[in-house]
Amino acid sequence: MINPKQKAAVGDASSGSPTCEIITIGTELLIGQIMDTNTAYLAQELGREGITVRFRTAVGDHLEEIIEVVRSALKRCDMVITTGGLGPTLDDLTREAVARAAGVELEFRQDLMGEIEKIFRRYGYQMPQNNRKQAFVPAGSQAISNPVGTAPVFIMEVNGKPIVCLPGVPRELKFLLKTEIIPWLGQRFNLRDHRLSYRVIKTVGVGESKVDQLIGDLIQPGKNPEVGLLASQGEIKIRIAVRAGSDQKAKTLIDPIDKKIRSRLGNRFFGYDKDTLEGVVDCLLVKKHLLLSVFETFTGGLAAERLHRLASSRIAESIVIADEAHMVQWLGCCMAKGNETALAISRKLRKSEFSGVGLAILGFPKERKGSFSVKGFAAVAGEGFEKIFPWEMGGDLNVLRQRGAVIGLNTLRLSLLDSSNT
């Protein structure tokens, strides 16, 4: 285990919340050859520990450019974490760049060389000479063994600010972050009482602007707890984040805000954190001992597919008919207005031998100048309850399909909730 140097933290670190910049190094990231998953992982894990990620920078395999971004990061944050550029090839330049930014030379570490050679012997290979490069680290830095790879990592202090250099291989990065870096940072910046906890409240059937109107007075950046919004396809997520020294203290701070938000959202609230709309619907069907039949047109079976993914899926049958004439033929009667047709289909589904509730999602998108619009209808029929919801929207066809599936599932959720209250 590495030992933290007892130097005073700077900037926001004095209040227990040090700031960090993440630098990902590698030309392959800039040209889209590989996806950068490391930054998101680091930001999430560091945030949990009470470290505020202020900047995220990507830079190619060019020595002077890496030096420049490292120096810039040191000016604006309390620490820097780099990923990548620790391999044995000529374009692995992180060691040289950090040494230059710190104003020191590289030094050869025989202990690191021994560990690298040991790894090659373990797998029965002869070590190529270029791997010797990995035993060099900036003079004065703390080297950290890497038992899951050949790239030793290191921490270089520059004017009281640590530069933590991690490998770019995700498996190695995750292992070293958990076992070495997080514990070191916790001691270095005294983070025990400033860990970040959060709860996500999920809503559906309401837009971002409406949610903002309902809870806008609770969104106060910098406050503890802090409330924020995140819009996704058909859902709005409300994140309550808090810095506290224990899970119980975090819960005590979050619960009153949670209660206030849910009271304003009403039935637009459907779950927390990892809850899904289809999961909530499935639980309601299980509770009521109901099987479900689904009929879809323009959504192409997306609503049913979301339910089918669940191990306990209550889907009895799913039907997709995208052509309006074939739909009329299947229904066995003349076309009526959209509301009546949707209800007629949901009633027919409910009366089938397979299920006790029917969901119909109807609509036939029209294209004009490359854009699509649809007049949609979601209808639900069950024993003692019926619900119909019409809507109109335009945009990309895939978006229309995704939103249509969400609207259909939410109409079913509301119907099942209403039937519970009658």
Protein backbone atom coordinates (compact mmCIF):
# COMPACT_ATOMS: atom_id res chain seq x y z
CA MET A 1 0.00 0.00 0.00
CA ILE A 2 1.28 3.46 -0.88
CA ASN A 3 1.57 6.13 1.78
CA PRO A 4 -0.02 9.57 1.34
CA LYS A 5 2.29 12.55 1.66
CA GLN A 6 1.06 14.86 4.38
CA LYS A 7 0.87 18.09 2.42
CA ALA A 8 -1.89 20.63 2.72
CA ALA A 9 -4.58 20.27 0.10
CA VAL A 10 -5.43 23.34 -1.96
CA GLY A 11 -8.48 25.02 -3.48
CA ASP A 12 -11.76 23.30 -2.61
CA ALA A 13 -9.80 20.55 -0.87
CA SER A 14 -9.66 22.69 2.28
CA SER A 15 -13.43 22.20 2.59
CA GLY A 16 -13.06 18.46 2.06
CA SER A 17 -13.98 18.44 -1.62
CA PRO A 18 -10.84 18.42 -3.76
CA THR A 19 -11.15 19.07 -7.47
CA CYS A 20 -9.80 16.83 -10.19
CA GLU A 21 -9.11 16.84 -13.91
CA ILE A 22 -9.10 13.54 -15.80
CA ILE A 23 -6.78 13.35 -18.79
CA THR A 24 -7.13 10.45 -21.22
CA ILE A 25 -4.08 9.95 -23.41
CA GLY A 26 -4.05 8.25 -26.81
CA THR A 27 -4.63 9.26 -30.41
CA GLU A 28 -6.94 6.26 -30.80
CA LEU A 29 -9.44 8.08 -28.55
CA LEU A 30 -9.44 11.22 -30.68
CA ILE A 31 -10.04 9.42 -33.98
CA GLY A 32 -12.83 7.28 -32.56
CA GLN A 33 -10.94 4.01 -32.90
CA ILE A 34 -11.94 3.04 -29.35
CA MET A 35 -14.59 4.34 -26.98
CA ASP A 36 -13.46 6.11 -23.82
CA THR A 37 -15.14 4.23 -20.98
CA ASN A 38 -12.42 5.03 -18.45
CA THR A 39 -13.41 8.65 -17.94
CA ALA A 40 -17.02 7.87 -17.06
CA TYR A 41 -15.91 5.15 -14.66
CA LEU A 42 -13.35 7.39 -12.98
CA ALA A 43 -15.77 10.30 -12.65
CA GLN A 44 -18.38 8.07 -11.05
CA GLU A 45 -15.98 6.42 -8.60
CA LEU A 46 -14.21 9.65 -7.66
CA GLY A 47 -17.53 11.39 -7.15
CA ARG A 48 -18.61 8.72 -4.69
CA GLU A 49 -15.49 9.41 -2.66
CA GLY A 50 -16.16 13.15 -2.47
CA ILE A 51 -13.85 14.32 -5.26
CA THR A 52 -15.29 16.84 -7.70
CA VAL A 53 -14.32 16.22 -11.33
CA ARG A 54 -14.17 19.68 -12.90
CA PHE A 55 -12.59 18.93 -16.28
CA ARG A 56 -12.24 15.97 -18.66
CA THR A 57 -9.56 16.27 -21.35
CA ALA A 58 -8.45 13.94 -24.15
CA VAL A 59 -5.08 14.36 -25.85
CA GLY A 60 -3.24 12.45 -28.55
CA ASP A 61 0.19 10.82 -28.45
CA HIS A 62 2.18 14.06 -28.84
CA LEU A 63 4.68 14.87 -26.10
CA GLU A 64 4.39 18.66 -26.09
CA GLU A 65 0.59 18.53 -26.14
CA ILE A 66 0.48 16.10 -23.21
CA ILE A 67 2.84 18.36 -21.24
CA GLU A 68 0.63 21.35 -22.02
CA VAL A 69 -2.62 19.74 -20.84
CA VAL A 70 -0.97 18.39 -17.67
CA ARG A 71 0.38 21.84 -16.78
CA SER A 72 -3.02 23.43 -17.48
CA ALA A 73 -4.75 20.84 -15.30
CA LEU A 74 -2.37 21.52 -12.43
CA LYS A 75 -3.28 25.22 -12.57
CA ARG A 76 -7.02 24.70 -12.24
CA CYS A 77 -7.48 21.59 -10.09
CA ASP A 78 -6.20 20.05 -6.87
CA MET A 79 -5.20 16.82 -8.54
CA VAL A 80 -4.79 15.25 -11.97
CA ILE A 81 -5.51 11.68 -12.99
CA THR A 82 -4.21 10.42 -16.33
CA THR A 83 -5.04 7.18 -18.12
CA GLY A 84 -3.06 5.58 -20.93
CA GLY A 85 0.40 6.08 -22.36
CA LEU A 86 2.18 3.76 -19.90
CA GLY A 87 2.96 0.96 -22.35
CA PRO A 88 6.38 -0.02 -23.76
CA THR A 89 6.10 1.49 -27.25
CA LEU A 90 7.50 4.74 -28.65
CA ASP A 91 4.11 6.47 -28.59
CA ASP A 92 3.62 5.79 -24.85
CA LEU A 93 4.71 9.18 -23.57
CA THR A 94 2.97 9.74 -20.23
CA ARG A 95 6.11 9.17 -18.14
CA GLU A 96 8.16 11.64 -20.15
CA ALA A 97 5.38 14.23 -20.21
CA VAL A 98 4.73 14.13 -16.45
CA ALA A 99 8.47 14.28 -15.71
CA ARG A 100 8.80 17.34 -17.93
CA ALA A 101 5.73 18.99 -16.39
CA ALA A 102 7.22 18.37 -12.93
CA GLY A 103 10.68 19.57 -13.96
CA VAL A 104 12.46 16.30 -13.13
CA GLU A 105 14.24 13.52 -15.00
CA LEU A 106 13.12 9.94 -15.45
CA GLU A 107 14.81 7.43 -13.18
CA PHE A 108 15.21 3.68 -13.61
CA ARG A 109 13.72 1.55 -10.81
CA GLN A 110 15.23 -1.90 -10.52
CA ASP A 111 12.41 -3.08 -8.25
CA LEU A 112 9.87 -2.26 -10.97
CA MET A 113 12.03 -4.00 -13.55
CA GLY A 114 12.07 -7.12 -11.40
CA GLU A 115 8.27 -7.12 -11.15
CA ILE A 116 7.86 -6.75 -14.92
CA GLU A 117 10.30 -9.59 -15.61
CA LYS A 118 8.48 -11.76 -13.08
CA ILE A 119 5.18 -11.27 -14.93
CA PHE A 120 6.73 -12.45 -18.20
CA ARG A 121 8.30 -15.47 -16.52
CA ARG A 122 4.95 -16.36 -14.97
CA TYR A 123 3.41 -16.71 -18.42
CA GLY A 124 6.44 -18.42 -19.93
CA TYR A 125 7.53 -15.57 -22.19
CA GLN A 126 10.85 -13.86 -22.65
CA MET A 127 10.53 -10.15 -21.96
CA PRO A 128 11.11 -7.92 -25.03
CA GLN A 129 13.73 -5.23 -24.45
CA ASN A 130 11.28 -2.39 -25.01
CA ASN A 131 9.43 -3.36 -21.81
CA ARG A 132 12.44 -2.03 -19.92
CA LYS A 133 10.98 1.40 -20.65
CA GLN A 134 8.16 0.67 -18.19
CA ALA A 135 10.59 0.56 -15.26
CA PHE A 136 11.32 4.29 -15.66
CA VAL A 137 9.26 6.78 -13.62
CA PRO A 138 9.68 10.49 -12.83
CA ALA A 139 12.33 11.05 -10.17
CA GLY A 140 10.79 11.42 -6.72
CA SER A 141 7.47 9.85 -7.67
CA GLN A 142 5.73 7.07 -5.74
CA ALA A 143 5.66 3.91 -7.84
CA ILE A 144 2.78 1.47 -7.46
CA SER A 145 3.01 -2.20 -8.41
CA ASN A 146 0.58 -3.46 -11.02
CA PRO A 147 -0.12 -7.16 -10.33
CA VAL A 148 -2.59 -7.42 -13.24
CA GLY A 149 -0.42 -5.91 -15.98
CA THR A 150 3.09 -4.91 -17.01
CA ALA A 151 2.65 -1.15 -16.64
CA PRO A 152 3.63 0.13 -13.17
CA VAL A 153 1.73 3.26 -12.22
CA PHE A 154 2.97 6.22 -10.23
CA ILE A 155 2.00 9.37 -8.35
CA MET A 156 4.01 12.55 -8.88
CA GLU A 157 3.54 15.50 -6.55
CA VAL A 158 3.94 18.95 -8.15
CA ASN A 159 3.63 21.91 -5.76
CA GLY A 160 1.50 19.86 -3.40
CA LYS A 161 -0.78 18.57 -6.16
CA PRO A 162 -0.69 14.88 -7.05
CA ILE A 163 -0.64 13.59 -10.62
CA VAL A 164 -1.90 10.00 -10.55
CA CYS A 165 -0.96 8.07 -13.69
CA LEU A 166 -3.02 4.96 -14.41
CA PRO A 167 -2.93 2.47 -17.31
CA GLY A 168 -5.47 2.75 -20.11
CA VAL A 169 -6.48 -0.93 -20.00
CA PRO A 170 -9.88 -0.78 -18.22
CA ARG A 171 -9.37 -4.00 -16.24
CA GLU A 172 -6.04 -2.78 -14.86
CA LEU A 173 -7.33 0.74 -14.21
CA LYS A 174 -10.35 -0.49 -12.23
CA PHE A 175 -8.29 -2.87 -10.12
CA LEU A 176 -5.66 -0.28 -9.23
CA LEU A 177 -8.19 2.47 -8.59
CA LYS A 178 -10.10 0.32 -6.09
CA THR A 179 -7.15 -1.31 -4.33
CA GLU A 180 -4.56 1.47 -4.31
CA ILE A 181 -5.65 4.91 -5.52
CA ILE A 182 -9.01 5.35 -3.77
CA PRO A 183 -7.60 4.43 -0.32
CA TRP A 184 -4.62 6.73 -0.93
CA LEU A 185 -6.82 9.65 -1.97
CA GLY A 186 -9.08 9.10 1.02
CA GLN A 187 -6.14 9.61 3.37
CA ARG A 188 -4.41 12.27 1.31
CA PHE A 189 -7.46 14.56 1.23
CA ASN A 190 -9.21 13.37 4.40
CA LEU A 191 -12.36 12.38 2.53
CA ARG A 192 -13.98 10.26 5.24
CA ASP A 193 -16.78 12.75 5.96
CA HIS A 194 -17.34 13.89 2.40
CA ARG A 195 -18.33 10.82 0.44
CA LEU A 196 -20.98 11.43 -2.22
CA SER A 197 -24.25 9.53 -2.03
CA TYR A 198 -27.22 10.03 -4.27
CA ARG A 199 -30.73 8.85 -5.00
CA VAL A 200 -32.37 9.04 -8.41
CA ILE A 201 -36.11 9.67 -8.63
CA LYS A 202 -37.59 8.57 -11.96
CA THR A 203 -40.55 10.20 -13.64
CA VAL A 204 -42.50 9.50 -16.82
CA GLY A 205 -45.31 11.21 -18.69
CA VAL A 206 -43.98 14.71 -18.06
CA GLY A 207 -41.44 16.91 -19.85
CA GLU A 208 -38.26 18.42 -18.45
CA SER A 209 -39.67 21.94 -18.42
CA LYS A 210 -42.72 20.81 -16.45
CA VAL A 211 -40.54 19.01 -13.89
CA ASP A 212 -38.45 22.15 -13.58
CA GLN A 213 -41.62 24.14 -13.00
CA LEU A 214 -42.73 21.72 -10.28
CA ILE A 215 -39.46 21.48 -8.34
CA GLY A 216 -37.37 24.38 -9.65
CA ASP A 217 -37.15 26.03 -6.25
CA LEU A 218 -35.36 22.92 -4.93
CA ILE A 219 -32.64 23.05 -7.59
CA GLN A 220 -29.91 25.09 -5.93
CA PRO A 221 -26.40 24.31 -7.24
CA GLY A 222 -23.82 23.97 -4.49
CA LYS A 223 -26.36 23.18 -1.79
CA ASN A 224 -26.10 19.99 0.25
CA PRO A 225 -28.21 18.04 -0.71
CA GLU A 226 -28.09 19.16 -4.34
CA VAL A 227 -30.93 18.47 -6.79
CA GLY A 228 -30.40 18.13 -10.54
CA LEU A 229 -32.29 16.96 -13.63
CA LEU A 230 -31.32 14.55 -16.40
CA ALA A 231 -33.57 14.02 -19.41
CA SER A 232 -33.54 10.70 -21.26
CA GLN A 233 -35.80 9.00 -23.78
CA GLY A 234 -39.30 9.34 -22.36
CA GLU A 235 -38.10 9.74 -18.77
CA ILE A 236 -36.83 12.52 -16.54
CA LYS A 237 -34.43 11.59 -13.76
CA ILE A 238 -34.13 13.75 -10.66
CA ARG A 239 -30.86 13.24 -8.83
CA ILE A 240 -30.54 14.11 -5.15
CA ALA A 241 -26.83 14.17 -4.26
CA VAL A 242 -25.44 14.64 -0.78
CA ARG A 243 -22.03 14.65 0.87
CA ALA A 244 -22.06 12.94 4.25
CA GLY A 245 -19.91 10.86 6.52
CA SER A 246 -22.20 7.82 6.64
CA ASP A 247 -25.03 6.16 4.75
CA GLN A 248 -27.42 6.92 7.61
CA LYS A 249 -26.52 10.63 7.62
CA ALA A 250 -26.95 10.72 3.84
CA LYS A 251 -30.38 9.10 4.14
CA THR A 252 -31.39 11.60 6.82
CA LEU A 253 -30.52 14.48 4.49
CA ILE A 254 -32.04 12.97 1.33
CA ASP A 255 -35.37 11.66 2.70
CA PRO A 256 -37.09 15.06 3.32
CA ILE A 257 -36.16 16.30 -0.18
CA ASP A 258 -37.31 13.02 -1.70
CA LYS A 259 -40.68 13.26 0.08
CA LYS A 260 -41.19 16.85 -1.05
CA ILE A 261 -40.37 16.04 -4.68
CA ARG A 262 -42.64 12.99 -4.83
CA SER A 263 -45.53 14.93 -3.33
CA ARG A 264 -45.27 17.41 -6.20
CA LEU A 265 -44.85 14.79 -8.91
CA GLY A 266 -47.86 12.66 -7.96
CA ASN A 267 -48.34 9.63 -10.22
CA ARG A 268 -45.65 10.89 -12.59
CA PHE A 269 -43.19 9.29 -10.18
CA PHE A 270 -42.64 5.60 -10.97
CA GLY A 271 -39.44 4.46 -9.26
CA TYR A 272 -35.92 4.93 -7.99
CA ASP A 273 -32.37 4.35 -9.19
CA LYS A 274 -32.32 1.08 -11.19
CA ASP A 275 -36.11 0.74 -11.44
CA THR A 276 -37.42 0.54 -15.00
CA LEU A 277 -40.85 1.41 -16.34
CA GLU A 278 -41.36 -2.11 -17.66
CA GLY A 279 -40.22 -3.56 -14.33
CA VAL A 280 -42.78 -1.48 -12.43
CA VAL A 281 -45.53 -2.51 -14.89
CA ASP A 282 -44.54 -6.16 -14.53
CA CYS A 283 -44.73 -5.94 -10.73
CA LEU A 284 -48.23 -4.46 -10.94
CA LEU A 285 -49.34 -7.27 -13.27
CA VAL A 286 -47.88 -9.87 -10.90
CA LYS A 287 -49.60 -8.23 -7.93
CA LYS A 288 -52.94 -8.38 -9.73
CA HIS A 289 -52.35 -11.89 -11.10
CA LEU A 290 -52.87 -10.60 -14.64
CA LEU A 291 -51.43 -11.68 -17.97
CA LEU A 292 -51.06 -9.08 -20.71
CA SER A 293 -51.71 -9.04 -24.44
CA VAL A 294 -50.12 -6.24 -26.49
CA PHE A 295 -51.02 -4.93 -29.94
CA GLU A 296 -48.65 -2.46 -31.64
CA THR A 297 -48.43 -0.72 -35.00
CA PHE A 298 -45.70 1.91 -35.53
CA THR A 299 -43.77 0.95 -32.38
CA GLY A 300 -42.95 -2.38 -34.01
CA GLY A 301 -43.20 -4.43 -30.83
CA LEU A 302 -40.86 -2.25 -28.72
CA ALA A 303 -43.24 -2.08 -25.76
CA ALA A 304 -43.64 -5.86 -25.71
CA GLU A 305 -39.90 -6.34 -26.19
CA ARG A 306 -39.13 -4.31 -23.06
CA LEU A 307 -41.46 -6.54 -21.07
CA HIS A 308 -40.14 -9.73 -22.69
CA ARG A 309 -36.64 -8.93 -21.38
CA LEU A 310 -37.83 -9.48 -17.82
CA ALA A 311 -37.42 -12.93 -16.31
CA SER A 312 -40.93 -12.75 -14.83
CA SER A 313 -42.57 -11.28 -17.95
CA ARG A 314 -46.36 -11.35 -17.81
CA ILE A 315 -46.72 -11.13 -21.59
CA ALA A 316 -49.23 -13.72 -22.86
CA GLU A 317 -49.13 -12.60 -26.49
CA SER A 318 -47.82 -9.72 -28.58
CA ILE A 319 -49.08 -8.74 -32.01
CA VAL A 320 -47.53 -6.30 -34.46
CA ILE A 321 -49.47 -5.10 -37.51
CA ALA A 322 -47.95 -2.07 -39.19
CA ASP A 323 -50.44 -1.82 -42.09
CA GLU A 324 -53.72 -0.04 -41.46
CA ALA A 325 -55.78 -2.25 -43.80
CA HIS A 326 -54.47 -5.43 -42.19
CA MET A 327 -55.30 -3.99 -38.78
CA VAL A 328 -58.94 -3.47 -39.80
CA GLN A 329 -59.07 -7.00 -41.17
CA TRP A 330 -57.67 -8.38 -37.91
CA LEU A 331 -60.11 -6.32 -35.85
CA GLY A 332 -63.04 -7.58 -37.93
CA CYS A 333 -64.95 -4.32 -38.23
CA CYS A 334 -64.92 -1.01 -40.07
CA MET A 335 -62.46 1.72 -39.12
CA ALA A 336 -63.73 4.19 -36.55
CA LYS A 337 -62.03 7.18 -34.99
CA GLY A 338 -58.65 6.50 -33.43
CA ASN A 339 -59.91 6.45 -29.84
CA GLU A 340 -62.66 3.94 -30.60
CA THR A 341 -60.38 1.72 -32.65
CA ALA A 342 -57.70 1.63 -29.98
CA LEU A 343 -60.24 0.79 -27.28
CA ALA A 344 -61.85 -1.86 -29.48
CA ILE A 345 -58.49 -3.56 -29.95
CA SER A 346 -57.62 -3.43 -26.26
CA ARG A 347 -61.03 -4.92 -25.42
CA LYS A 348 -60.55 -7.70 -27.95
CA LEU A 349 -57.14 -8.50 -26.45
CA ARG A 350 -58.61 -8.57 -22.96
CA LYS A 351 -61.28 -11.06 -24.02
CA SER A 352 -58.75 -13.45 -25.57
CA GLU A 353 -58.16 -16.79 -23.86
CA PHE A 354 -54.62 -15.77 -22.96
CA SER A 355 -54.86 -12.62 -20.85
CA GLY A 356 -56.86 -10.43 -18.50
CA VAL A 357 -55.68 -7.04 -19.75
CA GLY A 358 -55.06 -5.64 -23.21
CA LEU A 359 -52.77 -2.81 -24.34
CA ALA A 360 -53.06 -1.27 -27.81
CA ILE A 361 -50.56 1.25 -29.20
CA LEU A 362 -51.76 2.63 -32.52
CA GLY A 363 -50.45 5.17 -34.99
CA PHE A 364 -49.34 5.45 -38.61
CA PRO A 365 -46.47 7.90 -39.08
CA LYS A 366 -46.50 10.26 -42.03
CA GLU A 367 -43.36 11.57 -43.69
CA ARG A 368 -42.86 15.08 -44.99
CA LYS A 369 -39.52 16.46 -46.14
CA GLY A 370 -37.53 13.84 -44.26
CA SER A 371 -39.38 14.34 -40.97
CA PHE A 372 -42.11 12.18 -39.50
CA SER A 373 -45.23 12.91 -37.49
CA VAL A 374 -47.72 10.59 -35.85
CA LYS A 375 -51.09 10.81 -34.19
CA GLY A 376 -50.88 8.05 -31.61
CA PHE A 377 -53.32 6.30 -29.30
CA ALA A 378 -52.61 4.11 -26.29
CA ALA A 379 -55.57 2.18 -24.90
CA VAL A 380 -55.87 -0.25 -22.00
CA ALA A 381 -58.80 -2.51 -21.13
CA GLY A 382 -59.14 -4.76 -18.11
CA GLU A 383 -61.85 -6.01 -15.80
CA GLY A 384 -63.52 -2.90 -14.42
CA PHE A 385 -61.11 -0.37 -15.92
CA GLU A 386 -60.32 1.26 -19.26
CA LYS A 387 -58.04 4.11 -20.24
CA ILE A 388 -57.27 5.90 -23.50
CA PHE A 389 -54.48 8.39 -24.12
CA PRO A 390 -54.09 10.23 -27.47
CA TRP A 391 -51.04 12.28 -28.45
CA GLU A 392 -49.33 13.86 -31.42
CA MET A 393 -45.61 14.28 -31.99
CA GLY A 394 -43.05 14.72 -34.72
CA GLY A 395 -39.39 13.98 -35.28
CA ASP A 396 -37.08 11.12 -36.11
CA LEU A 397 -38.92 7.83 -36.75
CA ASN A 398 -36.86 5.94 -34.20
CA VAL A 399 -37.63 8.57 -31.54
CA LEU A 400 -41.35 8.33 -32.33
CA ARG A 401 -41.21 4.56 -31.87
CA GLN A 402 -39.29 4.75 -28.58
CA ARG A 403 -41.56 7.44 -27.17
CA GLY A 404 -44.65 5.56 -28.32
CA ALA A 405 -43.54 2.45 -26.43
CA VAL A 406 -42.95 4.53 -23.28
CA ILE A 407 -46.35 6.21 -23.57
CA GLY A 408 -48.04 2.83 -24.02
CA LEU A 409 -46.32 1.28 -21.00
CA ASN A 410 -47.04 4.35 -18.88
CA THR A 411 -50.73 4.31 -19.87
CA LEU A 412 -50.81 0.69 -18.74
CA ARG A 413 -49.06 1.59 -15.46
CA LEU A 414 -51.55 4.38 -14.70
CA SER A 415 -54.49 2.10 -15.54
CA LEU A 416 -53.26 -0.58 -13.15
CA LEU A 417 -52.66 2.02 -10.41
CA ASP A 418 -56.12 3.51 -10.91
CA SER A 419 -57.73 0.07 -10.73
CA SER A 420 -55.95 -0.52 -7.41
CA ASN A 421 -57.61 2.57 -5.97
CA THR A 422 -61.14 1.68 -6.99
